[in-house]
Amino acid sequence: MNLKDIEIVAGQGDLTGALSQLKVFLESNPSDAAGWYLMGNFLRRMQRWGEAINAYNRADELDPGRGAKKAVESIYEILRFQNTDLMNP
């Protein structure tokens, strides 16, 4: 299975299945930056923030120009968000 096939599985709504297939792909292709970036995307969609950050960091190590740093920054923005209207009930 290649990354395009895995993206098709995810697009059909089976994100868990796509993630499982991607893990198998990365076991055989541990230096594939696109695969690690895609894993970060899947994990972010599943709100598994720490794992997503780790996957993006791995993608950035392999290919610094891919944009993984921006993805990590966006996760930190999500985690830092506070709705002050809800803080004083």
PDB file of N, CA and C in Angstrom:
ATOM      1  N   MET A   1       0.850  -1.178   0.000  1.00  0.00           N
ATOM      2  CA  MET A   1       0.000   0.000   0.000  1.00  0.00           C
ATOM      3  C   MET A   1       0.892   1.238   0.000  1.00  0.00           C
ATOM      4  N   ASN A   2       0.502   2.244  -0.767  1.00  0.00           N
ATOM      5  CA  ASN A   2       1.274   3.487  -0.809  1.00  0.00           C
ATOM      6  C   ASN A   2       0.493   4.605  -0.117  1.00  0.00           C
ATOM      7  N   LEU A   3       1.126   5.762  -0.003  1.00  0.00           N
ATOM      8  CA  LEU A   3       0.503   6.876   0.731  1.00  0.00           C
ATOM      9  C   LEU A   3      -0.795   7.336   0.081  1.00  0.00           C
ATOM     10  N   LYS A   4      -0.861   7.316  -1.236  1.00  0.00           N
ATOM     11  CA  LYS A   4      -2.084   7.746  -1.926  1.00  0.00           C
ATOM     12  C   LYS A   4      -3.251   6.828  -1.568  1.00  0.00           C
ATOM     13  N   ASP A   5      -2.985   5.512  -1.548  1.00  0.00           N
ATOM     14  CA  ASP A   5      -4.032   4.557  -1.167  1.00  0.00           C
ATOM     15  C   ASP A   5      -4.481   4.776   0.279  1.00  0.00           C
ATOM     16  N   ILE A   6      -3.524   5.072   1.149  1.00  0.00           N
ATOM     17  CA  ILE A   6      -3.841   5.309   2.555  1.00  0.00           C
ATOM     18  C   ILE A   6      -4.691   6.577   2.697  1.00  0.00           C
ATOM     19  N   GLU A   7      -4.370   7.607   1.924  1.00  0.00           N
ATOM     20  CA  GLU A   7      -5.169   8.835   1.959  1.00  0.00           C
ATOM     21  C   GLU A   7      -6.591   8.579   1.471  1.00  0.00           C
ATOM     22  N   ILE A   8      -6.748   7.685   0.502  1.00  0.00           N
ATOM     23  CA  ILE A   8      -8.080   7.349   0.004  1.00  0.00           C
ATOM     24  C   ILE A   8      -8.895   6.678   1.112  1.00  0.00           C
ATOM     25  N   VAL A   9      -8.271   5.767   1.851  1.00  0.00           N
ATOM     26  CA  VAL A   9      -8.952   5.099   2.965  1.00  0.00           C
ATOM     27  C   VAL A   9      -9.408   6.144   3.986  1.00  0.00           C
ATOM     28  N   ALA A  10      -8.527   7.081   4.311  1.00  0.00           N
ATOM     29  CA  ALA A  10      -8.878   8.141   5.268  1.00  0.00           C
ATOM     30  C   ALA A  10     -10.017   8.999   4.722  1.00  0.00           C
ATOM     31  N   GLY A  11      -9.975   9.294   3.432  1.00  0.00           N
ATOM     32  CA  GLY A  11     -11.013  10.112   2.807  1.00  0.00           C
ATOM     33  C   GLY A  11     -12.373   9.441   2.795  1.00  0.00           C
ATOM     34  N   GLN A  12     -12.372   8.124   2.885  1.00  0.00           N
ATOM     35  CA  GLN A  12     -13.626   7.378   2.944  1.00  0.00           C
ATOM     36  C   GLN A  12     -14.169   7.297   4.371  1.00  0.00           C
ATOM     37  N   GLY A  13     -13.467   7.941   5.306  1.00  0.00           N
ATOM     38  CA  GLY A  13     -13.960   8.021   6.677  1.00  0.00           C
ATOM     39  C   GLY A  13     -13.358   7.016   7.636  1.00  0.00           C
ATOM     40  N   ASP A  14     -12.446   6.184   7.161  1.00  0.00           N
ATOM     41  CA  ASP A  14     -11.836   5.190   8.039  1.00  0.00           C
ATOM     42  C   ASP A  14     -10.458   5.672   8.486  1.00  0.00           C
ATOM     43  N   LEU A  15     -10.455   6.655   9.347  1.00  0.00           N
ATOM     44  CA  LEU A  15      -9.208   7.254   9.806  1.00  0.00           C
ATOM     45  C   LEU A  15      -8.396   6.267  10.644  1.00  0.00           C
ATOM     46  N   THR A  16      -9.059   5.465  11.449  1.00  0.00           N
ATOM     47  CA  THR A  16      -8.355   4.474  12.264  1.00  0.00           C
ATOM     48  C   THR A  16      -7.689   3.424  11.384  1.00  0.00           C
ATOM     49  N   GLY A  17      -8.391   2.960  10.378  1.00  0.00           N
ATOM     50  CA  GLY A  17      -7.824   1.992   9.444  1.00  0.00           C
ATOM     51  C   GLY A  17      -6.664   2.580   8.663  1.00  0.00           C
ATOM     52  N   ALA A  18      -6.824   3.825   8.232  1.00  0.00           N
ATOM     53  CA  ALA A  18      -5.756   4.493   7.491  1.00  0.00           C
ATOM     54  C   ALA A  18      -4.520   4.659   8.368  1.00  0.00           C
ATOM     55  N   LEU A  19      -4.725   4.992   9.631  1.00  0.00           N
ATOM     56  CA  LEU A  19      -3.607   5.152  10.554  1.00  0.00           C
ATOM     57  C   LEU A  19      -2.878   3.823  10.749  1.00  0.00           C
ATOM     58  N   SER A  20      -3.630   2.744  10.853  1.00  0.00           N
ATOM     59  CA  SER A  20      -3.017   1.417  10.996  1.00  0.00           C
ATOM     60  C   SER A  20      -2.184   1.075   9.767  1.00  0.00           C
ATOM     61  N   GLN A  21      -2.718   1.344   8.593  1.00  0.00           N
ATOM     62  CA  GLN A  21      -1.984   1.076   7.358  1.00  0.00           C
ATOM     63  C   GLN A  21      -0.750   1.963   7.249  1.00  0.00           C
ATOM     64  N   LEU A  22      -0.871   3.195   7.699  1.00  0.00           N
ATOM     65  CA  LEU A  22       0.256   4.120   7.650  1.00  0.00           C
ATOM     66  C   LEU A  22       1.374   3.665   8.588  1.00  0.00           C
ATOM     67  N   LYS A  23       1.015   3.129   9.746  1.00  0.00           N
ATOM     68  CA  LYS A  23       2.031   2.617  10.667  1.00  0.00           C
ATOM     69  C   LYS A  23       2.814   1.476  10.020  1.00  0.00           C
ATOM     70  N   VAL A  24       2.123   0.595   9.322  1.00  0.00           N
ATOM     71  CA  VAL A  24       2.784  -0.507   8.614  1.00  0.00           C
ATOM     72  C   VAL A  24       3.700   0.058   7.530  1.00  0.00           C
ATOM     73  N   PHE A  25       3.200   1.054   6.796  1.00  0.00           N
ATOM     74  CA  PHE A  25       3.999   1.690   5.746  1.00  0.00           C
ATOM     75  C   PHE A  25       5.280   2.283   6.326  1.00  0.00           C
ATOM     76  N   LEU A  26       5.161   2.967   7.460  1.00  0.00           N
ATOM     77  CA  LEU A  26       6.326   3.628   8.047  1.00  0.00           C
ATOM     78  C   LEU A  26       7.310   2.629   8.672  1.00  0.00           C
ATOM     79  N   GLU A  27       6.838   1.472   9.067  1.00  0.00           N
ATOM     80  CA  GLU A  27       7.766   0.438   9.533  1.00  0.00           C
ATOM     81  C   GLU A  27       8.713   0.032   8.408  1.00  0.00           C
ATOM     82  N   SER A  28       8.197  -0.003   7.188  1.00  0.00           N
ATOM     83  CA  SER A  28       9.010  -0.366   6.028  1.00  0.00           C
ATOM     84  C   SER A  28       9.746   0.828   5.434  1.00  0.00           C
ATOM     85  N   ASN A  29       9.237   2.038   5.703  1.00  0.00           N
ATOM     86  CA  ASN A  29       9.794   3.262   5.122  1.00  0.00           C
ATOM     87  C   ASN A  29      10.000   4.325   6.205  1.00  0.00           C
ATOM     88  N   PRO A  30      10.858   4.058   7.185  1.00  0.00           N
ATOM     89  CA  PRO A  30      10.982   4.978   8.324  1.00  0.00           C
ATOM     90  C   PRO A  30      11.564   6.352   7.976  1.00  0.00           C
ATOM     91  N   SER A  31      12.125   6.502   6.798  1.00  0.00           N
ATOM     92  CA  SER A  31      12.707   7.795   6.406  1.00  0.00           C
ATOM     93  C   SER A  31      11.804   8.564   5.457  1.00  0.00           C
ATOM     94  N   ASP A  32      10.560   8.178   5.350  1.00  0.00           N
ATOM     95  CA  ASP A  32       9.621   8.842   4.446  1.00  0.00           C
ATOM     96  C   ASP A  32       8.975  10.035   5.152  1.00  0.00           C
ATOM     97  N   ALA A  33       9.472  11.219   4.868  1.00  0.00           N
ATOM     98  CA  ALA A  33       8.973  12.437   5.525  1.00  0.00           C
ATOM     99  C   ALA A  33       7.497  12.668   5.242  1.00  0.00           C
ATOM    100  N   ALA A  34       7.064  12.380   4.022  1.00  0.00           N
ATOM    101  CA  ALA A  34       5.652  12.574   3.674  1.00  0.00           C
ATOM    102  C   ALA A  34       4.762  11.660   4.511  1.00  0.00           C
ATOM    103  N   GLY A  35       5.224  10.450   4.772  1.00  0.00           N
ATOM    104  CA  GLY A  35       4.462   9.525   5.600  1.00  0.00           C
ATOM    105  C   GLY A  35       4.332  10.017   7.030  1.00  0.00           C
ATOM    106  N   TRP A  36       5.413  10.533   7.577  1.00  0.00           N
ATOM    107  CA  TRP A  36       5.367  11.068   8.943  1.00  0.00           C
ATOM    108  C   TRP A  36       4.479  12.308   9.021  1.00  0.00           C
ATOM    109  N   TYR A  37       4.524  13.137   7.997  1.00  0.00           N
ATOM    110  CA  TYR A  37       3.672  14.324   7.969  1.00  0.00           C
ATOM    111  C   TYR A  37       2.199  13.903   7.914  1.00  0.00           C
ATOM    112  N   LEU A  38       1.913  12.911   7.071  1.00  0.00           N
ATOM    113  CA  LEU A  38       0.550  12.407   6.971  1.00  0.00           C
ATOM    114  C   LEU A  38       0.094  11.814   8.300  1.00  0.00           C
ATOM    115  N   MET A  39       0.990  11.115   8.985  1.00  0.00           N
ATOM    116  CA  MET A  39       0.639  10.566  10.291  1.00  0.00           C
ATOM    117  C   MET A  39       0.293  11.705  11.255  1.00  0.00           C
ATOM    118  N   GLY A  40       1.080  12.768  11.223  1.00  0.00           N
ATOM    119  CA  GLY A  40       0.763  13.923  12.056  1.00  0.00           C
ATOM    120  C   GLY A  40      -0.621  14.470  11.758  1.00  0.00           C
ATOM    121  N   ASN A  41      -0.958  14.536  10.471  1.00  0.00           N
ATOM    122  CA  ASN A  41      -2.284  15.029  10.078  1.00  0.00           C
ATOM    123  C   ASN A  41      -3.395  14.136  10.626  1.00  0.00           C
ATOM    124  N   PHE A  42      -3.218  12.817  10.478  1.00  0.00           N
ATOM    125  CA  PHE A  42      -4.239  11.888  10.971  1.00  0.00           C
ATOM    126  C   PHE A  42      -4.392  12.021  12.487  1.00  0.00           C
ATOM    127  N   LEU A  43      -3.274  12.035  13.188  1.00  0.00           N
ATOM    128  CA  LEU A  43      -3.321  12.117  14.648  1.00  0.00           C
ATOM    129  C   LEU A  43      -3.905  13.440  15.119  1.00  0.00           C
ATOM    130  N   ARG A  44      -3.608  14.506  14.409  1.00  0.00           N
ATOM    131  CA  ARG A  44      -4.188  15.808  14.768  1.00  0.00           C
ATOM    132  C   ARG A  44      -5.704  15.763  14.599  1.00  0.00           C
ATOM    133  N   ARG A  45      -6.172  15.161  13.514  1.00  0.00           N
ATOM    134  CA  ARG A  45      -7.615  15.053  13.305  1.00  0.00           C
ATOM    135  C   ARG A  45      -8.280  14.225  14.396  1.00  0.00           C
ATOM    136  N   MET A  46      -7.512  13.296  14.982  1.00  0.00           N
ATOM    137  CA  MET A  46      -8.031  12.453  16.057  1.00  0.00           C
ATOM    138  C   MET A  46      -7.817  13.098  17.432  1.00  0.00           C
ATOM    139  N   GLN A  47      -7.265  14.301  17.447  1.00  0.00           N
ATOM    140  CA  GLN A  47      -6.968  15.067  18.660  1.00  0.00           C
ATOM    141  C   GLN A  47      -6.001  14.328  19.580  1.00  0.00           C
ATOM    142  N   ARG A  48      -5.099  13.587  18.998  1.00  0.00           N
ATOM    143  CA  ARG A  48      -4.027  12.918  19.741  1.00  0.00           C
ATOM    144  C   ARG A  48      -2.797  13.810  19.602  1.00  0.00           C
ATOM    145  N   TRP A  49      -2.857  14.922  20.339  1.00  0.00           N
ATOM    146  CA  TRP A  49      -1.932  16.034  20.155  1.00  0.00           C
ATOM    147  C   TRP A  49      -0.462  15.664  20.319  1.00  0.00           C
ATOM    148  N   GLY A  50      -0.110  14.989  21.395  1.00  0.00           N
ATOM    149  CA  GLY A  50       1.290  14.656  21.648  1.00  0.00           C
ATOM    150  C   GLY A  50       1.871  13.770  20.556  1.00  0.00           C
ATOM    151  N   GLU A  51       1.105  12.770  20.149  1.00  0.00           N
ATOM    152  CA  GLU A  51       1.566  11.870  19.092  1.00  0.00           C
ATOM    153  C   GLU A  51       1.698  12.616  17.762  1.00  0.00           C
ATOM    154  N   ALA A  52       0.766  13.530  17.519  1.00  0.00           N
ATOM    155  CA  ALA A  52       0.827  14.319  16.283  1.00  0.00           C
ATOM    156  C   ALA A  52       2.086  15.184  16.265  1.00  0.00           C
ATOM    157  N   ILE A  53       2.386  15.815  17.386  1.00  0.00           N
ATOM    158  CA  ILE A  53       3.597  16.639  17.480  1.00  0.00           C
ATOM    159  C   ILE A  53       4.834  15.789  17.223  1.00  0.00           C
ATOM    160  N   ASN A  54       4.880  14.590  17.797  1.00  0.00           N
ATOM    161  CA  ASN A  54       6.027  13.708  17.583  1.00  0.00           C
ATOM    162  C   ASN A  54       6.174  13.334  16.110  1.00  0.00           C
ATOM    163  N   ALA A  55       5.058  13.028  15.456  1.00  0.00           N
ATOM    164  CA  ALA A  55       5.107  12.659  14.042  1.00  0.00           C
ATOM    165  C   ALA A  55       5.567  13.842  13.189  1.00  0.00           C
ATOM    166  N   TYR A  56       5.036  15.028  13.485  1.00  0.00           N
ATOM    167  CA  TYR A  56       5.462  16.224  12.741  1.00  0.00           C
ATOM    168  C   TYR A  56       6.945  16.517  12.976  1.00  0.00           C
ATOM    169  N   ASN A  57       7.396  16.342  14.201  1.00  0.00           N
ATOM    170  CA  ASN A  57       8.817  16.575  14.481  1.00  0.00           C
ATOM    171  C   ASN A  57       9.698  15.603  13.703  1.00  0.00           C
ATOM    172  N   ARG A  58       9.253  14.362  13.588  1.00  0.00           N
ATOM    173  CA  ARG A  58      10.019  13.384  12.796  1.00  0.00           C
ATOM    174  C   ARG A  58      10.040  13.801  11.329  1.00  0.00           C
ATOM    175  N   ALA A  59       8.906  14.254  10.813  1.00  0.00           N
ATOM    176  CA  ALA A  59       8.835  14.724   9.422  1.00  0.00           C
ATOM    177  C   ALA A  59       9.777  15.903   9.216  1.00  0.00           C
ATOM    178  N   ASP A  60       9.837  16.792  10.203  1.00  0.00           N
ATOM    179  CA  ASP A  60      10.695  17.967  10.096  1.00  0.00           C
ATOM    180  C   ASP A  60      12.178  17.582  10.120  1.00  0.00           C
ATOM    181  N   GLU A  61      12.521  16.572  10.901  1.00  0.00           N
ATOM    182  CA  GLU A  61      13.908  16.088  10.921  1.00  0.00           C
ATOM    183  C   GLU A  61      14.321  15.567   9.543  1.00  0.00           C
ATOM    184  N   LEU A  62      13.394  14.877   8.891  1.00  0.00           N
ATOM    185  CA  LEU A  62      13.693  14.255   7.602  1.00  0.00           C
ATOM    186  C   LEU A  62      13.626  15.241   6.441  1.00  0.00           C
ATOM    187  N   ASP A  63      12.726  16.218   6.535  1.00  0.00           N
ATOM    188  CA  ASP A  63      12.542  17.199   5.456  1.00  0.00           C
ATOM    189  C   ASP A  63      12.095  18.523   6.061  1.00  0.00           C
ATOM    190  N   PRO A  64      13.056  19.357   6.470  1.00  0.00           N
ATOM    191  CA  PRO A  64      12.718  20.607   7.161  1.00  0.00           C
ATOM    192  C   PRO A  64      11.823  21.554   6.364  1.00  0.00           C
ATOM    193  N   GLY A  65      11.768  21.436   5.077  1.00  0.00           N
ATOM    194  CA  GLY A  65      10.962  22.366   4.279  1.00  0.00           C
ATOM    195  C   GLY A  65       9.519  21.972   4.096  1.00  0.00           C
ATOM    196  N   ARG A  66       9.091  20.884   4.687  1.00  0.00           N
ATOM    197  CA  ARG A  66       7.744  20.356   4.450  1.00  0.00           C
ATOM    198  C   ARG A  66       6.643  21.171   5.141  1.00  0.00           C
ATOM    199  N   GLY A  67       6.959  21.913   6.156  1.00  0.00           N
ATOM    200  CA  GLY A  67       5.952  22.709   6.850  1.00  0.00           C
ATOM    201  C   GLY A  67       5.482  22.112   8.156  1.00  0.00           C
ATOM    202  N   ALA A  68       6.186  21.112   8.631  1.00  0.00           N
ATOM    203  CA  ALA A  68       5.771  20.450   9.867  1.00  0.00           C
ATOM    204  C   ALA A  68       5.861  21.391  11.069  1.00  0.00           C
ATOM    205  N   LYS A  69       6.819  22.318  11.046  1.00  0.00           N
ATOM    206  CA  LYS A  69       6.929  23.255  12.177  1.00  0.00           C
ATOM    207  C   LYS A  69       5.675  24.099  12.314  1.00  0.00           C
ATOM    208  N   LYS A  70       5.107  24.515  11.200  1.00  0.00           N
ATOM    209  CA  LYS A  70       3.862  25.295  11.250  1.00  0.00           C
ATOM    210  C   LYS A  70       2.720  24.457  11.815  1.00  0.00           C
ATOM    211  N   ALA A  71       2.694  23.186  11.457  1.00  0.00           N
ATOM    212  CA  ALA A  71       1.652  22.300  11.973  1.00  0.00           C
ATOM    213  C   ALA A  71       1.775  22.152  13.487  1.00  0.00           C
ATOM    214  N   VAL A  72       3.010  22.023  13.978  1.00  0.00           N
ATOM    215  CA  VAL A  72       3.229  21.925  15.429  1.00  0.00           C
ATOM    216  C   VAL A  72       2.787  23.219  16.109  1.00  0.00           C
ATOM    217  N   GLU A  73       3.131  24.351  15.515  1.00  0.00           N
ATOM    218  CA  GLU A  73       2.717  25.641  16.081  1.00  0.00           C
ATOM    219  C   GLU A  73       1.198  25.738  16.157  1.00  0.00           C
ATOM    220  N   SER A  74       0.504  25.236  15.133  1.00  0.00           N
ATOM    221  CA  SER A  74      -0.962  25.313  15.152  1.00  0.00           C
ATOM    222  C   SER A  74      -1.546  24.435  16.261  1.00  0.00           C
ATOM    223  N   ILE A  75      -0.905  23.301  16.540  1.00  0.00           N
ATOM    224  CA  ILE A  75      -1.375  22.463  17.645  1.00  0.00           C
ATOM    225  C   ILE A  75      -1.196  23.198  18.969  1.00  0.00           C
ATOM    226  N   TYR A  76      -0.044  23.838  19.137  1.00  0.00           N
ATOM    227  CA  TYR A  76       0.170  24.594  20.378  1.00  0.00           C
ATOM    228  C   TYR A  76      -0.829  25.737  20.514  1.00  0.00           C
ATOM    229  N   GLU A  77      -1.217  26.350  19.424  1.00  0.00           N
ATOM    230  CA  GLU A  77      -2.247  27.395  19.477  1.00  0.00           C
ATOM    231  C   GLU A  77      -3.567  26.816  19.959  1.00  0.00           C
ATOM    232  N   ILE A  78      -3.899  25.647  19.462  1.00  0.00           N
ATOM    233  CA  ILE A  78      -5.139  24.985  19.896  1.00  0.00           C
ATOM    234  C   ILE A  78      -5.071  24.677  21.388  1.00  0.00           C
ATOM    235  N   LEU A  79      -3.946  24.150  21.830  1.00  0.00           N
ATOM    236  CA  LEU A  79      -3.811  23.761  23.239  1.00  0.00           C
ATOM    237  C   LEU A  79      -3.782  24.960  24.181  1.00  0.00           C
ATOM    238  N   ARG A  80      -3.312  26.099  23.698  1.00  0.00           N
ATOM    239  CA  ARG A  80      -3.245  27.299  24.541  1.00  0.00           C
ATOM    240  C   ARG A  80      -4.549  28.093  24.556  1.00  0.00           C
ATOM    241  N   PHE A  81      -5.479  27.762  23.683  1.00  0.00           N
ATOM    242  CA  PHE A  81      -6.708  28.537  23.569  1.00  0.00           C
ATOM    243  C   PHE A  81      -7.482  28.531  24.884  1.00  0.00           C
ATOM    244  N   GLN A  82      -7.946  29.704  25.261  1.00  0.00           N
ATOM    245  CA  GLN A  82      -8.799  29.847  26.437  1.00  0.00           C
ATOM    246  C   GLN A  82      -9.988  30.715  26.080  1.00  0.00           C
ATOM    247  N   ASN A  83     -11.146  30.279  26.452  1.00  0.00           N
ATOM    248  CA  ASN A  83     -12.336  31.084  26.269  1.00  0.00           C
ATOM    249  C   ASN A  83     -12.621  31.771  27.603  1.00  0.00           C
ATOM    250  N   THR A  84     -12.231  33.014  27.702  1.00  0.00           N
ATOM    251  CA  THR A  84     -12.367  33.734  28.962  1.00  0.00           C
ATOM    252  C   THR A  84     -13.825  33.902  29.385  1.00  0.00           C
ATOM    253  N   ASP A  85     -14.763  33.826  28.457  1.00  0.00           N
ATOM    254  CA  ASP A  85     -16.178  33.938  28.812  1.00  0.00           C
ATOM    255  C   ASP A  85     -16.641  32.738  29.651  1.00  0.00           C
ATOM    256  N   LEU A  86     -15.942  31.627  29.520  1.00  0.00           N
ATOM    257  CA  LEU A  86     -16.324  30.424  30.256  1.00  0.00           C
ATOM    258  C   LEU A  86     -15.546  30.261  31.559  1.00  0.00           C
ATOM    259  N   MET A  87     -14.642  31.163  31.846  1.00  0.00           N
ATOM    260  CA  MET A  87     -13.790  31.004  33.014  1.00  0.00           C
ATOM    261  C   MET A  87     -14.449  31.435  34.311  1.00  0.00           C
ATOM    262  N   ASN A  88     -15.438  32.315  34.252  1.00  0.00           N
ATOM    263  CA  ASN A  88     -16.115  32.796  35.458  1.00  0.00           C
ATOM    264  C   ASN A  88     -17.610  32.511  35.338  1.00  0.00           C
ATOM    265  N   PRO A  89     -18.020  31.326  35.744  1.00  0.00           N
ATOM    266  CA  PRO A  89     -19.445  30.965  35.603  1.00  0.00           C
ATOM    267  C   PRO A  89     -20.350  31.772  36.508  1.00  0.00           C
TER     268      PRO A  89
END
